[in-house]
Amino acid sequence: QVQLVESGGGLVQPGGSLRLSCAASGSLFRIMYMAWYRQPPGKRRELVASVTSGNTTGYADSVKGRFTISRDNAQNTVYLQMNNLKPEDTAVYYCNGKIGTSAWWGQGTQVTVSP
């Protein structure tokens, strides 16, 4: 069983930056597909960014050029660097890990972008 624990959320002004972290338990991290999702208030959960075990990354159009996903296999951690944050980035951000048909979720961390 894999546990994912997010950290790094908080309140930030528009134009500011935050870095989210997601630490995974166990020894499978290096072969896991990892992703960040978010769920804005009253809306469905959406994919924000992903990184494969081979370090190929992908981004939602709404965050391209502002967010960067990265992974550190030695630390069993995936990061989401968020720059130039906008009010519409306000959401609960969730870490997701997959191997084949198995998937795991973190508990979520709140990001609020407000003046």
C-alpha atoms as a PDB file:
ATOM      1  CA  GLN A   1       0.000   0.000   0.000  1.00  0.00           C
ATOM      2  CA  VAL A   2       1.268   3.444  -0.946  1.00  0.00           C
ATOM      3  CA  GLN A   3       0.571   6.542   1.127  1.00  0.00           C
ATOM      4  CA  LEU A   4       0.852  10.011  -0.375  1.00  0.00           C
ATOM      5  CA  VAL A   5       1.158  13.082   1.845  1.00  0.00           C
ATOM      6  CA  GLU A   6       0.918  16.583   0.380  1.00  0.00           C
ATOM      7  CA  SER A   7       2.261  19.760   1.914  1.00  0.00           C
ATOM      8  CA  GLY A   8       2.986  23.345   0.928  1.00  0.00           C
ATOM      9  CA  GLY A   9      -0.457  24.810   0.366  1.00  0.00           C
ATOM     10  CA  GLY A  10      -1.573  28.129   1.779  1.00  0.00           C
ATOM     11  CA  LEU A  11      -2.782  31.647   1.080  1.00  0.00           C
ATOM     12  CA  VAL A  12      -0.900  33.709  -1.490  1.00  0.00           C
ATOM     13  CA  GLN A  13      -1.533  36.967  -3.321  1.00  0.00           C
ATOM     14  CA  PRO A  14      -2.062  37.050  -7.093  1.00  0.00           C
ATOM     15  CA  GLY A  15       1.287  36.915  -8.859  1.00  0.00           C
ATOM     16  CA  GLY A  16       2.862  34.992  -5.999  1.00  0.00           C
ATOM     17  CA  SER A  17       4.410  31.534  -5.881  1.00  0.00           C
ATOM     18  CA  LEU A  18       3.988  28.334  -3.925  1.00  0.00           C
ATOM     19  CA  ARG A  19       5.671  24.936  -4.067  1.00  0.00           C
ATOM     20  CA  LEU A  20       3.655  21.859  -3.277  1.00  0.00           C
ATOM     21  CA  SER A  21       5.315  18.625  -2.214  1.00  0.00           C
ATOM     22  CA  CYS A  22       3.979  15.085  -2.181  1.00  0.00           C
ATOM     23  CA  ALA A  23       5.914  12.422  -0.314  1.00  0.00           C
ATOM     24  CA  ALA A  24       5.264   8.763  -1.095  1.00  0.00           C
ATOM     25  CA  SER A  25       5.804   5.813   1.205  1.00  0.00           C
ATOM     26  CA  GLY A  26       7.347   2.534   0.161  1.00  0.00           C
ATOM     27  CA  SER A  27       9.771   1.540  -2.563  1.00  0.00           C
ATOM     28  CA  LEU A  28       7.623   1.857  -5.701  1.00  0.00           C
ATOM     29  CA  PHE A  29       7.903   5.599  -6.250  1.00  0.00           C
ATOM     30  CA  ARG A  30      10.544   5.425  -8.973  1.00  0.00           C
ATOM     31  CA  ILE A  31       8.239   3.412 -11.265  1.00  0.00           C
ATOM     32  CA  MET A  32       5.083   5.381 -10.522  1.00  0.00           C
ATOM     33  CA  TYR A  33       3.316   7.784 -12.833  1.00  0.00           C
ATOM     34  CA  MET A  34       2.704  10.853 -10.672  1.00  0.00           C
ATOM     35  CA  ALA A  35       0.266  13.699 -11.174  1.00  0.00           C
ATOM     36  CA  TRP A  36      -1.251  16.725  -9.520  1.00  0.00           C
ATOM     37  CA  TYR A  37      -4.989  17.324  -9.744  1.00  0.00           C
ATOM     38  CA  ARG A  38      -7.044  20.165  -8.351  1.00  0.00           C
ATOM     39  CA  GLN A  39     -10.672  20.708  -7.439  1.00  0.00           C
ATOM     40  CA  PRO A  40     -11.877  24.316  -7.397  1.00  0.00           C
ATOM     41  CA  PRO A  41     -14.889  25.158  -5.213  1.00  0.00           C
ATOM     42  CA  GLY A  42     -18.063  23.758  -6.744  1.00  0.00           C
ATOM     43  CA  LYS A  43     -16.249  22.221  -9.706  1.00  0.00           C
ATOM     44  CA  ARG A  44     -14.967  18.825 -10.785  1.00  0.00           C
ATOM     45  CA  ARG A  45     -11.474  17.580 -10.108  1.00  0.00           C
ATOM     46  CA  GLU A  46      -9.124  18.300 -13.023  1.00  0.00           C
ATOM     47  CA  LEU A  47      -5.647  17.190 -14.062  1.00  0.00           C
ATOM     48  CA  VAL A  48      -3.044  19.926 -13.633  1.00  0.00           C
ATOM     49  CA  ALA A  49       0.298  18.282 -14.387  1.00  0.00           C
ATOM     50  CA  SER A  50       1.872  14.847 -14.687  1.00  0.00           C
ATOM     51  CA  VAL A  51       5.286  13.214 -14.805  1.00  0.00           C
ATOM     52  CA  THR A  52       6.088   9.678 -15.910  1.00  0.00           C
ATOM     53  CA  SER A  53       8.694   7.358 -14.434  1.00  0.00           C
ATOM     54  CA  GLY A  54      10.862   8.390 -17.390  1.00  0.00           C
ATOM     55  CA  ASN A  55      10.473  12.075 -16.474  1.00  0.00           C
ATOM     56  CA  THR A  56       8.179  13.049 -19.334  1.00  0.00           C
ATOM     57  CA  THR A  57       5.939  15.885 -18.197  1.00  0.00           C
ATOM     58  CA  GLY A  58       2.541  17.171 -19.259  1.00  0.00           C
ATOM     59  CA  TYR A  59       0.450  20.197 -18.304  1.00  0.00           C
ATOM     60  CA  ALA A  60      -3.065  21.517 -18.554  1.00  0.00           C
ATOM     61  CA  ASP A  61      -3.276  24.479 -20.932  1.00  0.00           C
ATOM     62  CA  SER A  62      -4.378  26.736 -18.078  1.00  0.00           C
ATOM     63  CA  VAL A  63      -1.068  26.291 -16.208  1.00  0.00           C
ATOM     64  CA  LYS A  64       1.474  25.920 -19.023  1.00  0.00           C
ATOM     65  CA  GLY A  65       4.366  28.322 -18.574  1.00  0.00           C
ATOM     66  CA  ARG A  66       3.456  28.982 -14.920  1.00  0.00           C
ATOM     67  CA  PHE A  67       3.598  25.573 -13.189  1.00  0.00           C
ATOM     68  CA  THR A  68       6.435  23.047 -13.203  1.00  0.00           C
ATOM     69  CA  ILE A  69       6.170  19.446 -12.041  1.00  0.00           C
ATOM     70  CA  SER A  70       9.295  17.559 -11.011  1.00  0.00           C
ATOM     71  CA  ARG A  71      10.220  14.422  -9.140  1.00  0.00           C
ATOM     72  CA  ASP A  72      13.063  13.360  -6.873  1.00  0.00           C
ATOM     73  CA  ASN A  73      13.240   9.582  -6.794  1.00  0.00           C
ATOM     74  CA  ALA A  74      15.884   9.609  -4.057  1.00  0.00           C
ATOM     75  CA  GLN A  75      13.439  11.482  -1.806  1.00  0.00           C
ATOM     76  CA  ASN A  76      10.275   9.673  -3.012  1.00  0.00           C
ATOM     77  CA  THR A  77       8.792  13.107  -3.639  1.00  0.00           C
ATOM     78  CA  VAL A  78       7.017  14.917  -6.441  1.00  0.00           C
ATOM     79  CA  TYR A  79       6.815  18.700  -6.524  1.00  0.00           C
ATOM     80  CA  LEU A  80       4.603  21.290  -8.153  1.00  0.00           C
ATOM     81  CA  GLN A  81       6.207  24.716  -8.453  1.00  0.00           C
ATOM     82  CA  MET A  82       3.463  27.261  -9.052  1.00  0.00           C
ATOM     83  CA  ASN A  83       4.413  30.750 -10.224  1.00  0.00           C
ATOM     84  CA  ASN A  84       2.354  33.785 -11.231  1.00  0.00           C
ATOM     85  CA  LEU A  85      -0.630  32.414  -9.363  1.00  0.00           C
ATOM     86  CA  LYS A  86      -4.087  33.653 -10.267  1.00  0.00           C
ATOM     87  CA  PRO A  87      -7.342  33.674  -8.282  1.00  0.00           C
ATOM     88  CA  GLU A  88      -8.668  30.953 -10.596  1.00  0.00           C
ATOM     89  CA  ASP A  89      -5.895  28.652  -9.325  1.00  0.00           C
ATOM     90  CA  THR A  90      -7.694  28.530  -5.972  1.00  0.00           C
ATOM     91  CA  ALA A  91      -8.507  24.875  -5.281  1.00  0.00           C
ATOM     92  CA  VAL A  92      -7.714  21.833  -3.217  1.00  0.00           C
ATOM     93  CA  TYR A  93      -4.675  20.231  -4.839  1.00  0.00           C
ATOM     94  CA  TYR A  94      -4.332  16.453  -4.781  1.00  0.00           C
ATOM     95  CA  CYS A  95      -1.344  14.231  -5.458  1.00  0.00           C
ATOM     96  CA  ASN A  96      -2.011  11.074  -7.459  1.00  0.00           C
ATOM     97  CA  GLY A  97       0.185   8.059  -8.110  1.00  0.00           C
ATOM     98  CA  LYS A  98      -0.433   5.183 -10.493  1.00  0.00           C
ATOM     99  CA  ILE A  99       1.143   1.842 -11.368  1.00  0.00           C
ATOM    100  CA  GLY A 100      -0.856  -0.078 -13.944  1.00  0.00           C
ATOM    101  CA  THR A 101      -4.455  -0.226 -12.738  1.00  0.00           C
ATOM    102  CA  SER A 102      -3.593   0.696  -9.145  1.00  0.00           C
ATOM    103  CA  ALA A 103      -3.943   4.298  -8.043  1.00  0.00           C
ATOM    104  CA  TRP A 104      -3.453   6.221  -4.839  1.00  0.00           C
ATOM    105  CA  TRP A 105      -4.468   9.713  -3.703  1.00  0.00           C
ATOM    106  CA  GLY A 106      -3.223  12.101  -1.093  1.00  0.00           C
ATOM    107  CA  GLN A 107      -5.508  13.907   1.318  1.00  0.00           C
ATOM    108  CA  GLY A 108      -5.268  17.241  -0.507  1.00  0.00           C
ATOM    109  CA  THR A 109      -3.839  20.639   0.336  1.00  0.00           C
ATOM    110  CA  GLN A 110      -5.681  23.937   0.021  1.00  0.00           C
ATOM    111  CA  VAL A 111      -4.277  26.680  -2.198  1.00  0.00           C
ATOM    112  CA  THR A 112      -6.013  30.048  -1.986  1.00  0.00           C
ATOM    113  CA  VAL A 113      -5.005  32.932  -4.255  1.00  0.00           C
ATOM    114  CA  SER A 114      -6.517  36.172  -3.019  1.00  0.00           C
ATOM    115  CA  PRO A 115      -5.466  39.819  -2.567  1.00  0.00           C
END
